[in-house]
Amino acid sequence: MILYFYAFLGSLFAGLATVIGAFPVLIGRKISPKIQDVLLGFSAGIMLAASVFSLIIPALSISENTFHKPFNVFFISFGILCGTFLFLILDKLIPEDYFLKIYENSDAKALKKMWLFVLAITIHNFPEGMSSALGFFKGDIYSGISLAFGIGVQNIPEGMAVALALYLKGSSIKKSILVSLLTGLVEPIGGLIAIIIFTISNYILPFGLAFAGGAMLFVVSKEMIPETHKKGYETEATLGLIAGFIFMMILDT
């Protein structure tokens, strides 16, 4: 029973670490369009690296215990496609005037992209919470602690990405930090579910990781990168993306 408690605490810690990254929004709103594009590019780089190093590669590794090659590759590819098509459908179905009803005098397209981005981070955190909890069931509690700590550390820049995305589009400091916290609290929920079902199926965690990876790849490619290329600062934004990618890669290795 104590192992289940540790597993849940591990996923809770990893999720709460997300809010630490939200505090840079306290510096104020006077950020130039150029810096905004660089920060958004940095956030895109974080998401791109997280989709590869935190989600897809671990999904392939975990699925090898259930499937023989190349079937595990097909299974993970299916998960990526499912995540991609879910966000493609959401992108088509959610009307842009829905956001105008929530935010008066705002850019509906930009708000739609922002909330798709936040949703992608939230979905991505769910299987991460499962992973941080399941790390305690590998036979070595210290391995579970190490994994939960690692996921918590790499959640910090993701929390920053969420908070900045909201803040730069006009949300208050309080709301930006709160939403960042809520995206992180998905992790202990995922951890709790993983504890309940981890003995039932070997397919859920790798599929969930791949699904989240596909969702994040879609948002980065279709929404975030094009957004950073609209104001003439595409070179600076690209350098920001590369910096974010390297930063997250370092945290994930």
Foldseek 3Di string as FASTA:
>chain_A
DVLLVLLLVLLLLLLQLLLLLLPVPVVDQPDDLLVLLLLLLLLLLLLLLCLPLVFLVVLLVLCVVPDPPPVSVVLLVVLLVLLQVVLVVVVVPDDLVVVCVVPPPFDSLLVVLLVLLLVLLLLLLLLLLLVLSCLSVPPDNVSSNVSSVLSSVSSSNNSNSSLSSQVNRPDDSVVSSVSSSVSSSSSSVSSNVSVVCVVPDSSPSSSSSSSSSSSSVNSSVPPRLVVSPPPPNNVSSNVSSVVSNVVSNVSSD
